[in-house]
Amino acid sequence: MLDPTDTKLLAALQKDAHLTAQQLGDLLNLSPSQAGRRRQRLETEGYIEGYAARLNPAKLGLAVQGFVQVHLGSHGPEQSKGFARLVASQPQITSAWTMTGEADYLLRVYCADLQALNTLIHEILLPHPGVSRVQSQIVMAQLKRDAPLPT
């Protein structure tokens, strides 16, 4: 169970994962060692899965962000496993979800340009034997970046 101090610690780390034990202690009215132990416990218990840097796609030359809906022609375990392996092997696919509704999968992709997105769709996704149809949407502007989870 999370207590209010744990919740406050998680919210603070989502905003700035670089906070030191001293800074966390000051924020939570705890000693640095108490704050550090709490963080370590939350990591051990799986509340904190890891730490990562948020990169700027445009500065990396990734000018096109898109969402790709994928429809499978058949839904056997081999088709699903094969498609999951394909998704995992493509670095331009940054997130993937199985979905209810019309599409079987929703992929978030970042590509250098429209030609790279076209290549991903027509030379990588559509040739997969399980894929029957692909529909893509290109992001014109992102109104809100991926935000911290509510705590």
N, C-alpha and C. Protein backbone atom coordinates (compact mmCIF):
# COMPACT_ATOMS: atom_id res chain seq x y z
N MET A 1 0.83 -1.19 0.00
CA MET A 1 0.00 0.00 0.00
C MET A 1 0.87 1.25 0.00
N LEU A 2 0.44 2.21 -0.75
CA LEU A 2 1.14 3.49 -0.79
C LEU A 2 0.53 4.44 0.23
N ASP A 3 1.39 5.10 0.97
CA ASP A 3 0.89 6.14 1.87
C ASP A 3 1.06 7.49 1.16
N PRO A 4 0.53 8.56 1.74
CA PRO A 4 0.62 9.87 1.07
C PRO A 4 2.06 10.32 0.79
N THR A 5 2.99 9.94 1.64
CA THR A 5 4.39 10.31 1.41
C THR A 5 4.95 9.58 0.19
N ASP A 6 4.60 8.29 0.04
CA ASP A 6 5.02 7.53 -1.14
C ASP A 6 4.45 8.17 -2.41
N THR A 7 3.19 8.55 -2.35
CA THR A 7 2.54 9.16 -3.50
C THR A 7 3.23 10.47 -3.87
N LYS A 8 3.57 11.26 -2.88
CA LYS A 8 4.25 12.53 -3.13
C LYS A 8 5.65 12.27 -3.71
N LEU A 9 6.32 11.25 -3.22
CA LEU A 9 7.65 10.90 -3.72
C LEU A 9 7.56 10.48 -5.20
N LEU A 10 6.58 9.65 -5.53
CA LEU A 10 6.42 9.20 -6.92
C LEU A 10 6.11 10.38 -7.84
N ALA A 11 5.24 11.28 -7.39
CA ALA A 11 4.91 12.45 -8.21
C ALA A 11 6.15 13.31 -8.43
N ALA A 12 6.96 13.49 -7.40
CA ALA A 12 8.18 14.30 -7.53
C ALA A 12 9.17 13.66 -8.49
N LEU A 13 9.34 12.34 -8.42
CA LEU A 13 10.28 11.66 -9.31
C LEU A 13 9.81 11.66 -10.75
N GLN A 14 8.50 11.66 -10.98
CA GLN A 14 8.00 11.74 -12.35
C GLN A 14 8.32 13.09 -12.96
N LYS A 15 8.36 14.12 -12.14
CA LYS A 15 8.70 15.45 -12.64
C LYS A 15 10.19 15.61 -12.83
N ASP A 16 10.98 15.00 -11.95
CA ASP A 16 12.44 15.12 -12.02
C ASP A 16 13.08 13.88 -11.40
N ALA A 17 13.46 12.95 -12.24
CA ALA A 17 14.04 11.69 -11.75
C ALA A 17 15.45 11.87 -11.20
N HIS A 18 16.03 13.06 -11.37
CA HIS A 18 17.37 13.33 -10.87
C HIS A 18 17.40 13.80 -9.43
N LEU A 19 16.25 13.91 -8.79
CA LEU A 19 16.24 14.40 -7.41
C LEU A 19 17.12 13.51 -6.53
N THR A 20 17.95 14.15 -5.74
CA THR A 20 18.81 13.41 -4.82
C THR A 20 18.01 13.04 -3.58
N ALA A 21 18.57 12.16 -2.77
CA ALA A 21 17.93 11.79 -1.51
C ALA A 21 17.76 13.03 -0.63
N GLN A 22 18.73 13.93 -0.67
CA GLN A 22 18.63 15.17 0.11
C GLN A 22 17.45 16.01 -0.37
N GLN A 23 17.34 16.17 -1.68
CA GLN A 23 16.24 16.97 -2.24
C GLN A 23 14.89 16.32 -1.95
N LEU A 24 14.82 15.00 -2.09
CA LEU A 24 13.57 14.31 -1.78
C LEU A 24 13.22 14.46 -0.30
N GLY A 25 14.23 14.31 0.54
CA GLY A 25 14.01 14.46 1.97
C GLY A 25 13.47 15.84 2.31
N ASP A 26 14.05 16.87 1.70
CA ASP A 26 13.57 18.24 1.94
C ASP A 26 12.12 18.39 1.49
N LEU A 27 11.80 17.83 0.35
CA LEU A 27 10.45 17.93 -0.20
C LEU A 27 9.43 17.17 0.65
N LEU A 28 9.85 16.05 1.20
CA LEU A 28 8.93 15.17 1.93
C LEU A 28 9.00 15.34 3.44
N ASN A 29 9.85 16.26 3.89
CA ASN A 29 10.07 16.43 5.33
C ASN A 29 10.58 15.15 5.99
N LEU A 30 11.53 14.52 5.31
CA LEU A 30 12.18 13.31 5.81
C LEU A 30 13.69 13.53 5.79
N SER A 31 14.41 12.67 6.48
CA SER A 31 15.86 12.70 6.36
C SER A 31 16.22 12.15 4.98
N PRO A 32 17.39 12.51 4.48
CA PRO A 32 17.82 11.94 3.19
C PRO A 32 17.84 10.41 3.20
N SER A 33 18.27 9.81 4.31
CA SER A 33 18.33 8.35 4.35
C SER A 33 16.92 7.74 4.31
N GLN A 34 15.95 8.36 5.00
CA GLN A 34 14.57 7.87 4.95
C GLN A 34 14.01 7.99 3.53
N ALA A 35 14.25 9.13 2.90
CA ALA A 35 13.77 9.33 1.53
C ALA A 35 14.41 8.33 0.58
N GLY A 36 15.72 8.10 0.74
CA GLY A 36 16.41 7.12 -0.11
C GLY A 36 15.88 5.72 0.08
N ARG A 37 15.60 5.34 1.32
CA ARG A 37 15.04 4.00 1.58
C ARG A 37 13.65 3.85 0.97
N ARG A 38 12.85 4.91 1.07
CA ARG A 38 11.52 4.85 0.46
C ARG A 38 11.62 4.67 -1.06
N ARG A 39 12.52 5.46 -1.68
CA ARG A 39 12.69 5.32 -3.13
C ARG A 39 13.14 3.90 -3.46
N GLN A 40 14.09 3.38 -2.72
CA GLN A 40 14.59 2.02 -2.99
C GLN A 40 13.48 0.99 -2.82
N ARG A 41 12.63 1.15 -1.80
CA ARG A 41 11.52 0.22 -1.59
C ARG A 41 10.54 0.29 -2.77
N LEU A 42 10.24 1.50 -3.23
CA LEU A 42 9.31 1.65 -4.35
C LEU A 42 9.90 1.06 -5.64
N GLU A 43 11.20 1.13 -5.80
CA GLU A 43 11.86 0.49 -6.94
C GLU A 43 11.76 -1.03 -6.81
N THR A 44 12.08 -1.55 -5.63
CA THR A 44 12.07 -3.00 -5.39
C THR A 44 10.66 -3.57 -5.58
N GLU A 45 9.66 -2.83 -5.13
CA GLU A 45 8.27 -3.31 -5.22
C GLU A 45 7.67 -3.11 -6.61
N GLY A 46 8.41 -2.49 -7.52
CA GLY A 46 7.95 -2.36 -8.91
C GLY A 46 7.11 -1.14 -9.20
N TYR A 47 6.95 -0.24 -8.23
CA TYR A 47 6.23 1.00 -8.53
C TYR A 47 7.04 1.87 -9.49
N ILE A 48 8.35 1.85 -9.32
CA ILE A 48 9.26 2.56 -10.21
C ILE A 48 9.93 1.50 -11.07
N GLU A 49 9.67 1.54 -12.36
CA GLU A 49 10.20 0.54 -13.28
C GLU A 49 11.57 0.89 -13.83
N GLY A 50 11.94 2.16 -13.79
CA GLY A 50 13.23 2.56 -14.32
C GLY A 50 13.25 4.06 -14.51
N TYR A 51 14.37 4.56 -15.01
CA TYR A 51 14.56 5.98 -15.24
C TYR A 51 15.06 6.15 -16.67
N ALA A 52 14.55 7.18 -17.35
CA ALA A 52 14.96 7.40 -18.74
C ALA A 52 14.97 8.90 -19.03
N ALA A 53 15.77 9.28 -20.01
CA ALA A 53 15.79 10.66 -20.47
C ALA A 53 14.72 10.84 -21.54
N ARG A 54 14.02 11.97 -21.51
CA ARG A 54 13.05 12.29 -22.55
C ARG A 54 13.77 13.11 -23.60
N LEU A 55 13.86 12.59 -24.81
CA LEU A 55 14.60 13.23 -25.89
C LEU A 55 13.67 14.05 -26.78
N ASN A 56 14.24 15.03 -27.45
CA ASN A 56 13.50 15.89 -28.36
C ASN A 56 13.55 15.26 -29.76
N PRO A 57 12.42 14.74 -30.27
CA PRO A 57 12.43 14.08 -31.58
C PRO A 57 12.92 14.97 -32.71
N ALA A 58 12.51 16.23 -32.72
CA ALA A 58 12.90 17.14 -33.81
C ALA A 58 14.42 17.33 -33.85
N LYS A 59 15.04 17.46 -32.68
CA LYS A 59 16.50 17.63 -32.63
C LYS A 59 17.22 16.38 -33.11
N LEU A 60 16.55 15.23 -33.04
CA LEU A 60 17.15 13.98 -33.52
C LEU A 60 16.82 13.70 -34.98
N GLY A 61 16.17 14.66 -35.63
CA GLY A 61 15.83 14.48 -37.05
C GLY A 61 14.59 13.64 -37.28
N LEU A 62 13.77 13.46 -36.26
CA LEU A 62 12.55 12.68 -36.40
C LEU A 62 11.38 13.65 -36.56
N ALA A 63 11.14 14.06 -37.79
CA ALA A 63 10.18 15.12 -38.09
C ALA A 63 8.74 14.64 -38.16
N VAL A 64 8.53 13.32 -38.30
CA VAL A 64 7.17 12.80 -38.47
C VAL A 64 6.84 11.86 -37.31
N GLN A 65 5.79 12.24 -36.59
CA GLN A 65 5.23 11.36 -35.57
C GLN A 65 3.90 10.88 -36.11
N GLY A 66 3.61 9.62 -35.95
CA GLY A 66 2.35 9.10 -36.45
C GLY A 66 1.81 7.98 -35.59
N PHE A 67 0.56 7.68 -35.83
CA PHE A 67 -0.10 6.53 -35.22
C PHE A 67 -0.55 5.62 -36.35
N VAL A 68 -0.28 4.35 -36.20
CA VAL A 68 -0.59 3.39 -37.25
C VAL A 68 -1.49 2.32 -36.64
N GLN A 69 -2.66 2.16 -37.23
CA GLN A 69 -3.58 1.10 -36.83
C GLN A 69 -3.31 -0.10 -37.73
N VAL A 70 -3.17 -1.26 -37.13
CA VAL A 70 -2.88 -2.48 -37.87
C VAL A 70 -4.01 -3.48 -37.65
N HIS A 71 -4.48 -4.04 -38.74
CA HIS A 71 -5.54 -5.05 -38.71
C HIS A 71 -4.91 -6.37 -39.18
N LEU A 72 -5.08 -7.41 -38.41
CA LEU A 72 -4.59 -8.72 -38.81
C LEU A 72 -5.66 -9.45 -39.61
N GLY A 73 -5.22 -10.28 -40.55
CA GLY A 73 -6.16 -11.07 -41.34
C GLY A 73 -6.67 -12.26 -40.58
N SER A 74 -5.83 -12.83 -39.75
CA SER A 74 -6.23 -13.95 -38.90
C SER A 74 -5.63 -13.71 -37.52
N HIS A 75 -6.19 -14.35 -36.53
CA HIS A 75 -5.82 -14.02 -35.16
C HIS A 75 -5.28 -15.21 -34.38
N GLY A 76 -4.53 -16.05 -35.04
CA GLY A 76 -3.93 -17.17 -34.33
C GLY A 76 -2.73 -16.74 -33.51
N PRO A 77 -2.32 -17.58 -32.58
CA PRO A 77 -1.18 -17.22 -31.72
C PRO A 77 0.11 -17.00 -32.49
N GLU A 78 0.33 -17.72 -33.56
CA GLU A 78 1.57 -17.55 -34.33
C GLU A 78 1.60 -16.20 -35.04
N GLN A 79 0.45 -15.77 -35.60
CA GLN A 79 0.40 -14.47 -36.26
C GLN A 79 0.67 -13.35 -35.24
N SER A 80 0.05 -13.47 -34.07
CA SER A 80 0.24 -12.46 -33.04
C SER A 80 1.68 -12.42 -32.54
N LYS A 81 2.26 -13.58 -32.31
CA LYS A 81 3.66 -13.63 -31.85
C LYS A 81 4.61 -13.10 -32.92
N GLY A 82 4.34 -13.48 -34.16
CA GLY A 82 5.19 -12.99 -35.26
C GLY A 82 5.10 -11.49 -35.42
N PHE A 83 3.90 -10.95 -35.28
CA PHE A 83 3.75 -9.51 -35.40
C PHE A 83 4.41 -8.81 -34.21
N ALA A 84 4.29 -9.36 -33.02
CA ALA A 84 4.95 -8.77 -31.84
C ALA A 84 6.47 -8.75 -32.03
N ARG A 85 7.02 -9.80 -32.61
CA ARG A 85 8.48 -9.83 -32.88
C ARG A 85 8.86 -8.74 -33.88
N LEU A 86 8.03 -8.57 -34.91
CA LEU A 86 8.29 -7.53 -35.91
C LEU A 86 8.28 -6.15 -35.24
N VAL A 87 7.29 -5.88 -34.44
CA VAL A 87 7.17 -4.59 -33.76
C VAL A 87 8.40 -4.36 -32.88
N ALA A 88 8.80 -5.37 -32.12
CA ALA A 88 9.95 -5.22 -31.22
C ALA A 88 11.25 -4.95 -31.98
N SER A 89 11.33 -5.37 -33.22
CA SER A 89 12.57 -5.23 -33.99
C SER A 89 12.70 -3.87 -34.69
N GLN A 90 11.66 -3.04 -34.63
CA GLN A 90 11.66 -1.78 -35.37
C GLN A 90 11.81 -0.59 -34.41
N PRO A 91 12.96 0.05 -34.38
CA PRO A 91 13.16 1.15 -33.43
C PRO A 91 12.27 2.35 -33.68
N GLN A 92 11.77 2.53 -34.91
CA GLN A 92 10.90 3.66 -35.18
C GLN A 92 9.51 3.48 -34.58
N ILE A 93 9.18 2.25 -34.17
CA ILE A 93 7.93 2.00 -33.44
C ILE A 93 8.27 2.14 -31.96
N THR A 94 7.80 3.23 -31.36
CA THR A 94 8.19 3.52 -29.98
C THR A 94 7.21 3.00 -28.95
N SER A 95 5.97 2.74 -29.35
CA SER A 95 4.96 2.19 -28.46
C SER A 95 4.02 1.33 -29.29
N ALA A 96 3.47 0.32 -28.67
CA ALA A 96 2.51 -0.53 -29.36
C ALA A 96 1.50 -1.07 -28.35
N TRP A 97 0.25 -1.06 -28.78
CA TRP A 97 -0.82 -1.54 -27.91
C TRP A 97 -1.70 -2.50 -28.68
N THR A 98 -2.23 -3.52 -28.01
CA THR A 98 -3.33 -4.29 -28.58
C THR A 98 -4.60 -3.55 -28.19
N MET A 99 -5.57 -3.56 -29.09
CA MET A 99 -6.73 -2.69 -28.91
C MET A 99 -8.04 -3.46 -29.03
N THR A 100 -9.06 -2.90 -28.38
CA THR A 100 -10.42 -3.32 -28.69
C THR A 100 -10.88 -2.45 -29.85
N GLY A 101 -11.98 -2.82 -30.46
CA GLY A 101 -12.49 -2.03 -31.57
C GLY A 101 -12.05 -2.58 -32.90
N GLU A 102 -12.02 -1.72 -33.89
CA GLU A 102 -11.77 -2.16 -35.26
C GLU A 102 -10.34 -2.63 -35.49
N ALA A 103 -9.36 -1.89 -35.02
CA ALA A 103 -7.96 -2.26 -35.23
C ALA A 103 -7.50 -3.24 -34.16
N ASP A 104 -6.57 -4.09 -34.53
CA ASP A 104 -6.00 -5.03 -33.57
C ASP A 104 -4.86 -4.41 -32.78
N TYR A 105 -4.09 -3.52 -33.43
CA TYR A 105 -2.93 -2.89 -32.80
C TYR A 105 -2.92 -1.40 -33.12
N LEU A 106 -2.38 -0.64 -32.20
CA LEU A 106 -2.10 0.77 -32.44
C LEU A 106 -0.62 0.97 -32.17
N LEU A 107 0.08 1.52 -33.15
CA LEU A 107 1.52 1.74 -33.05
C LEU A 107 1.79 3.25 -33.05
N ARG A 108 2.69 3.66 -32.19
CA ARG A 108 3.18 5.05 -32.24
C ARG A 108 4.54 4.99 -32.90
N VAL A 109 4.73 5.81 -33.92
CA VAL A 109 5.98 5.77 -34.68
C VAL A 109 6.58 7.17 -34.79
N TYR A 110 7.89 7.20 -34.87
CA TYR A 110 8.64 8.42 -35.17
C TYR A 110 9.54 8.10 -36.35
N CYS A 111 9.45 8.91 -37.40
CA CYS A 111 10.26 8.70 -38.60
C CYS A 111 10.91 10.02 -39.01
N ALA A 112 11.98 9.90 -39.78
CA ALA A 112 12.70 11.09 -40.23
C ALA A 112 11.85 11.95 -41.17
N ASP A 113 11.08 11.28 -42.02
CA ASP A 113 10.28 12.01 -43.00
C ASP A 113 9.15 11.11 -43.49
N LEU A 114 8.34 11.64 -44.41
CA LEU A 114 7.21 10.87 -44.92
C LEU A 114 7.66 9.64 -45.70
N GLN A 115 8.79 9.74 -46.39
CA GLN A 115 9.30 8.58 -47.12
C GLN A 115 9.65 7.45 -46.16
N ALA A 116 10.23 7.78 -45.03
CA ALA A 116 10.57 6.76 -44.03
C ALA A 116 9.30 6.12 -43.47
N LEU A 117 8.27 6.91 -43.26
CA LEU A 117 6.99 6.36 -42.80
C LEU A 117 6.40 5.44 -43.87
N ASN A 118 6.47 5.88 -45.13
CA ASN A 118 5.99 5.07 -46.24
C ASN A 118 6.74 3.74 -46.30
N THR A 119 8.04 3.78 -46.12
CA THR A 119 8.85 2.56 -46.13
C THR A 119 8.44 1.63 -44.99
N LEU A 120 8.24 2.18 -43.81
CA LEU A 120 7.82 1.37 -42.67
C LEU A 120 6.50 0.67 -42.98
N ILE A 121 5.56 1.40 -43.53
CA ILE A 121 4.24 0.83 -43.79
C ILE A 121 4.29 -0.19 -44.93
N HIS A 122 4.88 0.21 -46.07
CA HIS A 122 4.79 -0.62 -47.27
C HIS A 122 5.85 -1.70 -47.39
N GLU A 123 6.98 -1.53 -46.74
CA GLU A 123 8.05 -2.52 -46.87
C GLU A 123 8.27 -3.36 -45.62
N ILE A 124 7.69 -2.93 -44.50
CA ILE A 124 7.91 -3.68 -43.26
C ILE A 124 6.59 -4.21 -42.70
N LEU A 125 5.60 -3.35 -42.51
CA LEU A 125 4.35 -3.79 -41.88
C LEU A 125 3.45 -4.58 -42.83
N LEU A 126 3.12 -4.01 -43.99
CA LEU A 126 2.19 -4.68 -44.90
C LEU A 126 2.69 -6.03 -45.41
N PRO A 127 3.99 -6.22 -45.66
CA PRO A 127 4.44 -7.54 -46.12
C PRO A 127 4.34 -8.64 -45.06
N HIS A 128 4.15 -8.29 -43.80
CA HIS A 128 4.04 -9.33 -42.77
C HIS A 128 2.84 -10.21 -43.09
N PRO A 129 2.99 -11.52 -43.03
CA PRO A 129 1.90 -12.42 -43.47
C PRO A 129 0.61 -12.30 -42.67
N GLY A 130 0.67 -11.83 -41.43
CA GLY A 130 -0.54 -11.70 -40.63
C GLY A 130 -1.31 -10.41 -40.86
N VAL A 131 -0.66 -9.42 -41.47
CA VAL A 131 -1.26 -8.10 -41.61
C VAL A 131 -2.16 -8.05 -42.83
N SER A 132 -3.40 -7.59 -42.62
CA SER A 132 -4.32 -7.45 -43.76
C SER A 132 -4.51 -6.00 -44.17
N ARG A 133 -4.42 -5.07 -43.20
CA ARG A 133 -4.68 -3.67 -43.52
C ARG A 133 -3.96 -2.79 -42.51
N VAL A 134 -3.54 -1.62 -42.99
CA VAL A 134 -2.86 -0.63 -42.15
C VAL A 134 -3.48 0.73 -42.44
N GLN A 135 -3.69 1.48 -41.40
CA GLN A 135 -4.20 2.85 -41.55
C GLN A 135 -3.33 3.75 -40.69
N SER A 136 -2.87 4.86 -41.27
CA SER A 136 -1.97 5.73 -40.52
C SER A 136 -2.55 7.13 -40.38
N GLN A 137 -2.19 7.77 -39.29
CA GLN A 137 -2.51 9.16 -39.04
C GLN A 137 -1.21 9.86 -38.68
N ILE A 138 -0.98 11.01 -39.29
CA ILE A 138 0.23 11.79 -39.02
C ILE A 138 -0.12 12.88 -38.03
N VAL A 139 0.69 13.03 -37.02
CA VAL A 139 0.48 14.06 -36.01
C VAL A 139 0.87 15.40 -36.59
N MET A 140 -0.06 16.34 -36.56
CA MET A 140 0.21 17.70 -37.03
C MET A 140 0.88 18.53 -35.93
N ALA A 141 0.38 18.40 -34.71
CA ALA A 141 0.95 19.08 -33.55
C ALA A 141 0.56 18.28 -32.32
N GLN A 142 1.45 18.20 -31.39
CA GLN A 142 1.16 17.49 -30.15
C GLN A 142 0.80 18.52 -29.09
N LEU A 143 -0.43 18.45 -28.62
CA LEU A 143 -0.92 19.44 -27.66
C LEU A 143 -0.39 19.21 -26.25
N LYS A 144 -0.13 17.95 -25.92
CA LYS A 144 0.34 17.61 -24.59
C LYS A 144 1.33 16.47 -24.71
N ARG A 145 2.49 16.65 -24.15
CA ARG A 145 3.48 15.57 -24.15
C ARG A 145 3.04 14.48 -23.20
N ASP A 146 3.65 13.33 -23.32
CA ASP A 146 3.35 12.25 -22.40
C ASP A 146 3.53 12.78 -20.99
N ALA A 147 2.49 12.75 -20.22
CA ALA A 147 2.49 13.35 -18.90
C ALA A 147 2.75 12.31 -17.83
N PRO A 148 3.13 12.77 -16.66
CA PRO A 148 3.26 11.83 -15.53
C PRO A 148 1.93 11.14 -15.24
N LEU A 149 2.01 9.94 -14.71
CA LEU A 149 0.80 9.23 -14.32
C LEU A 149 0.17 9.93 -13.12
N PRO A 150 -1.15 9.90 -13.02
CA PRO A 150 -1.76 10.48 -11.83
C PRO A 150 -1.41 9.63 -10.61
N THR A 151 -1.11 10.30 -9.53
CA THR A 151 -0.75 9.56 -8.30
C THR A 151 -1.74 9.86 -7.21
